[in-house]
């Protein structure tokens, strides 16, 4: 769960909300404290249902000038590949 939080925190650079989906409530309970400090939401899959254990903090988009530049570069590169 700690690696998932690191990835979700990095993803928050490009997203208004970032969540981790964990396979059990016991893992989710262990992750909630640190996730909340990072503003990351925690979801768990139980009996085919997704249960929210903690909500993600809303962030403005773009989160930074750097994320905006990377986003614009990715869109440009994807456009070149479509030709």
Protein backbone atom coordinates (compact mmCIF):
# COMPACT_ATOMS: atom_id res chain seq x y z
CA UNK A 1 0.00 0.00 0.00
CA UNK A 2 2.90 2.36 0.59
CA UNK A 3 4.08 2.06 -3.04
CA UNK A 4 0.51 2.69 -4.18
CA UNK A 5 0.40 5.89 -2.10
CA UNK A 6 3.67 7.09 -3.61
CA UNK A 7 2.28 6.54 -7.10
CA UNK A 8 -1.06 8.17 -6.26
CA UNK A 9 0.75 11.18 -4.78
CA UNK A 10 2.73 11.53 -8.02
CA UNK A 11 -0.46 11.20 -10.06
CA UNK A 12 -1.98 14.06 -8.07
CA UNK A 13 0.39 16.36 -9.97
CA UNK A 14 -1.84 15.82 -13.02
CA UNK A 15 -5.27 15.20 -11.49
CA UNK A 16 -7.84 16.97 -9.37
CA UNK A 17 -8.31 13.83 -7.23
CA UNK A 18 -6.14 10.77 -6.70
CA UNK A 19 -7.16 7.45 -5.13
CA UNK A 20 -5.66 4.05 -4.36
CA UNK A 21 -7.75 0.89 -4.65
CA UNK A 22 -6.70 -1.76 -2.15
CA UNK A 23 -7.79 -5.41 -2.03
CA UNK A 24 -8.75 -5.59 1.66
CA UNK A 25 -10.16 -3.46 4.44
CA UNK A 26 -7.24 -4.33 6.73
CA UNK A 27 -4.74 -2.85 4.24
CA UNK A 28 -7.01 0.14 3.68
CA UNK A 29 -7.20 0.85 7.43
CA UNK A 30 -3.39 0.87 7.62
CA UNK A 31 -3.15 3.24 4.64
CA UNK A 32 -5.85 5.78 5.59
CA UNK A 33 -3.77 7.90 7.99
CA UNK A 34 -0.85 8.48 5.64
CA UNK A 35 -3.16 8.81 2.62
CA UNK A 36 -5.20 11.51 4.35
CA UNK A 37 -2.03 13.49 5.14
CA UNK A 38 -1.13 13.33 1.42
CA UNK A 39 -4.67 14.17 0.30
CA UNK A 40 -5.04 10.75 -1.35
CA UNK A 41 -8.33 8.86 -1.23
CA UNK A 42 -8.54 5.19 -0.26
CA UNK A 43 -10.94 2.70 -1.83
CA UNK A 44 -11.34 -1.00 -1.06
CA UNK A 45 -12.97 -3.74 -3.13
CA UNK A 46 -15.42 -5.82 -1.06
CA UNK A 47 -17.72 -8.44 -2.54
CA UNK A 48 -17.57 -6.80 -5.95
CA UNK A 49 -18.35 -3.33 -4.55
CA UNK A 50 -16.01 -0.38 -4.24
CA UNK A 51 -16.15 1.12 -0.74
CA UNK A 52 -14.70 4.56 0.04
CA UNK A 53 -12.55 4.46 3.17
CA UNK A 54 -11.21 8.02 2.78
CA UNK A 55 -12.02 10.76 0.28
CA UNK A 56 -9.30 12.48 -1.73
CA UNK A 57 -8.66 16.19 -1.32
CA UNK A 58 -9.65 18.25 -4.35
CA UNK A 59 -6.74 19.99 -6.09
CA UNK A 60 -6.70 22.72 -8.72
CA UNK A 61 -5.65 21.80 -12.24
CA UNK A 62 -2.93 22.33 -13.28
CA UNK A 63 -1.26 21.67 -9.95
CA UNK A 64 1.89 23.42 -11.13
CA UNK A 65 3.50 24.99 -14.16
CA UNK A 66 5.57 21.83 -14.55
CA UNK A 67 2.51 19.59 -14.76
CA UNK A 68 0.97 21.91 -17.34
CA UNK A 69 4.14 21.81 -19.48
CA UNK A 70 4.36 18.00 -19.32
CA UNK A 71 0.67 17.71 -20.16
CA UNK A 72 1.03 19.99 -23.20
CA UNK A 73 4.10 18.04 -24.36
CA UNK A 74 2.25 14.71 -24.04
CA UNK A 75 -0.71 16.01 -26.04
CA UNK A 76 1.68 17.26 -28.73
CA UNK A 77 3.50 13.91 -28.89
CA UNK A 78 0.26 11.93 -29.03
CA UNK A 79 -0.93 14.15 -31.87
CA UNK A 80 2.21 13.39 -33.86
CA UNK A 81 1.71 9.65 -33.45
CA UNK A 82 -1.85 9.82 -34.76
CA UNK A 83 -0.75 11.09 -38.20
